[in-house]
Protein backbone atom coordinates (compact mmCIF):
# COMPACT_ATOMS: atom_id res chain seq x y z
CA MET A 1 -43.31 91.62 161.95
CA ILE A 2 -43.37 95.28 161.15
CA PRO A 3 -39.99 96.60 160.21
CA ARG A 4 -38.26 99.50 161.79
CA GLN A 5 -38.34 101.84 158.49
CA GLN A 6 -41.96 102.14 158.16
CA PRO A 7 -44.53 100.07 160.93
CA ALA A 8 -46.62 103.63 160.26
CA LEU A 9 -47.53 103.19 156.76
CA ARG A 10 -48.24 99.05 157.01
CA VAL A 11 -50.39 99.66 160.56
CA PHE A 12 -51.99 102.21 158.00
CA LEU A 13 -52.46 100.53 155.18
CA ALA A 14 -53.61 97.55 157.52
CA VAL A 15 -56.31 99.39 159.48
CA PHE A 16 -57.80 101.13 155.87
CA SER A 17 -58.17 97.60 154.14
CA LEU A 18 -59.79 96.08 157.41
CA ALA A 19 -61.85 98.74 157.28
CA GLY A 20 -62.72 98.95 153.59
CA LEU A 21 -63.60 95.16 153.72
CA MET A 22 -65.93 95.68 156.55
CA VAL A 23 -67.73 98.96 154.56
CA VAL A 24 -68.00 96.59 151.25
CA PHE A 25 -69.96 93.93 154.08
CA LEU A 26 -71.58 96.50 155.54
CA PHE A 27 -72.88 97.66 152.48
CA GLN A 28 -73.31 94.42 150.30
CA GLN A 29 -76.57 95.43 149.07
CA TYR A 30 -74.82 98.69 146.97
CA ASP A 31 -75.19 98.89 143.53
CA TYR A 32 -72.09 99.35 142.10
CA SER A 33 -73.47 99.89 138.34
CA GLN A 34 -74.98 103.57 139.82
CA TRP A 35 -70.71 104.32 139.02
CA PHE A 36 -71.57 104.12 135.37
CA TRP A 37 -73.91 107.12 135.28
CA TRP A 38 -74.18 107.38 131.58
CA THR A 39 -75.71 104.21 131.11
CA ASN A 40 -78.54 102.10 132.56
CA PHE A 41 -77.44 99.17 133.64
CA GLU A 42 -80.69 96.57 134.18
CA GLY A 43 -81.24 92.67 134.65
CA THR A 44 -78.58 90.71 134.14
CA PRO A 45 -75.83 93.75 132.91
CA ARG A 46 -76.45 95.17 136.66
CA PHE A 47 -76.05 91.82 138.31
CA ILE A 48 -72.36 91.54 136.41
CA VAL A 49 -71.39 94.87 136.99
CA ASN A 50 -72.35 94.49 140.62
CA ARG A 51 -70.66 91.32 141.14
CA LEU A 52 -67.70 92.15 139.30
CA ALA A 53 -67.54 95.50 141.36
CA ARG A 54 -67.36 93.63 144.51
CA PHE A 55 -65.12 90.90 143.60
CA LEU A 56 -62.35 93.28 142.69
CA ILE A 57 -62.46 95.49 145.28
CA ASN A 58 -63.04 92.52 148.36
CA ASP A 59 -59.92 91.11 146.31
CA LEU A 60 -57.50 94.48 145.99
CA LEU A 61 -58.52 95.31 150.03
CA MET A 62 -56.98 92.17 150.34
CA VAL A 63 -53.70 92.37 148.38
CA LEU A 64 -53.37 96.04 150.08
CA LEU A 65 -54.05 93.52 153.37
CA ILE A 66 -51.03 91.32 152.28
CA PHE A 67 -49.31 94.18 151.27
CA SER A 68 -49.47 95.66 154.64
CA ILE A 69 -48.68 92.09 156.35
CA PHE A 70 -45.59 90.76 154.22
CA PHE A 71 -44.54 94.09 152.61
CA GLU A 72 -42.77 92.28 149.94
CA ARG A 73 -43.31 92.39 146.21
CA LYS A 74 -43.04 88.85 145.38
CA TYR A 75 -46.47 88.56 147.77
CA VAL A 76 -48.35 90.92 145.77
CA ILE A 77 -47.57 89.81 142.72
CA MET A 78 -48.74 86.22 143.25
CA ALA A 79 -51.69 87.92 144.86
CA PHE A 80 -52.48 89.19 141.97
CA ILE A 81 -52.02 85.95 139.87
CA VAL A 82 -54.47 84.42 142.36
CA GLN A 83 -56.81 87.20 141.55
CA ALA A 84 -56.77 86.72 138.08
CA GLY A 85 -56.75 82.96 138.43
CA GLY A 86 -59.95 83.41 140.50
CA LEU A 87 -61.49 85.97 137.97
CA VAL A 88 -60.97 83.97 135.28
CA LEU A 89 -61.64 80.32 137.28
CA ILE A 90 -64.73 81.34 139.97
CA LEU A 91 -66.32 84.42 139.15
CA THR A 92 -66.61 83.71 135.00
CA PRO A 93 -68.18 80.00 135.38
CA TYR A 94 -70.43 81.84 138.60
CA LEU A 95 -71.66 84.12 135.88
CA LEU A 96 -72.48 82.34 132.86
CA MET A 97 -74.38 79.60 135.69
CA GLN A 98 -76.20 82.88 136.77
CA VAL A 99 -76.97 83.94 133.82
CA TYR A 100 -77.85 80.80 131.06
CA LEU A 101 -78.61 78.36 134.03
CA PRO A 102 -80.55 80.79 136.63
CA HIS A 103 -83.05 77.17 137.59
CA ILE A 104 -79.64 75.17 138.38
CA GLY A 105 -79.72 75.93 142.23
CA GLY A 106 -77.64 73.73 145.19
CA PRO A 107 -74.34 73.83 146.32
CA MET A 108 -72.16 74.20 143.66
CA VAL A 109 -73.81 77.63 142.32
CA SER A 110 -74.21 78.33 146.39
CA TYR A 111 -69.97 77.65 146.96
CA LEU A 112 -69.20 79.57 143.47
CA HIS A 113 -71.37 83.05 145.22
CA ARG A 114 -69.43 82.36 148.40
CA LEU A 115 -66.40 82.43 146.56
CA THR A 116 -67.08 85.12 144.36
CA VAL A 117 -68.66 87.92 147.03
CA ASN A 118 -65.53 87.54 149.98
CA PRO A 119 -62.51 87.21 149.70
CA LEU A 120 -61.50 83.65 150.23
CA LEU A 121 -58.96 82.81 148.12
CA MET A 122 -57.02 86.06 149.27
CA LEU A 123 -57.42 85.58 152.59
CA VAL A 124 -56.14 81.75 152.56
CA LEU A 125 -52.87 83.15 151.05
CA ILE A 126 -51.99 84.75 154.31
CA PRO A 127 -51.51 81.62 156.19
CA ALA A 128 -49.47 80.09 153.32
CA PHE A 129 -47.62 83.25 153.09
CA TRP A 130 -46.83 83.07 156.35
CA TYR A 131 -45.64 79.31 156.90
CA GLN A 132 -43.64 79.99 153.30
CA LYS A 133 -41.39 83.28 154.93
CA LYS A 134 -41.59 80.91 158.38
CA MET A 135 -39.67 78.03 156.32
CA ARG A 136 -37.30 80.28 154.39
CA MET A 137 -36.40 81.60 157.35
CA LYS A 138 -35.44 78.05 159.09
CA GLY A 139 -33.57 76.99 156.34
């Protein structure tokens, strides 16, 4: 639902966030550690910087998409809370397992990898917020 006040802004933000997500996906092999030109990341630090950058960029673009869809502050705040939770509860264990236990493979690491490089948690928020908004309008 686009309110009459700012439909062009909402469409622009949605298109921008979706285009950004596509660019991040298409250039998933990009080395984000190059942004820190004053240092030379190699090995494990480079891996950590690249995963952290991709996680943050994907999730921030999804927060922008959530904002463009619902245009309410409370949904953006909740999305940031979920992002922080994902950073602590998903990205941190994934990085620890990859750095300190690289010999452990299997489904657990694979699922954590998918959750860190794809904004799946944020994607789940969209139908949840939509359902909550729909139920609030009913009741």
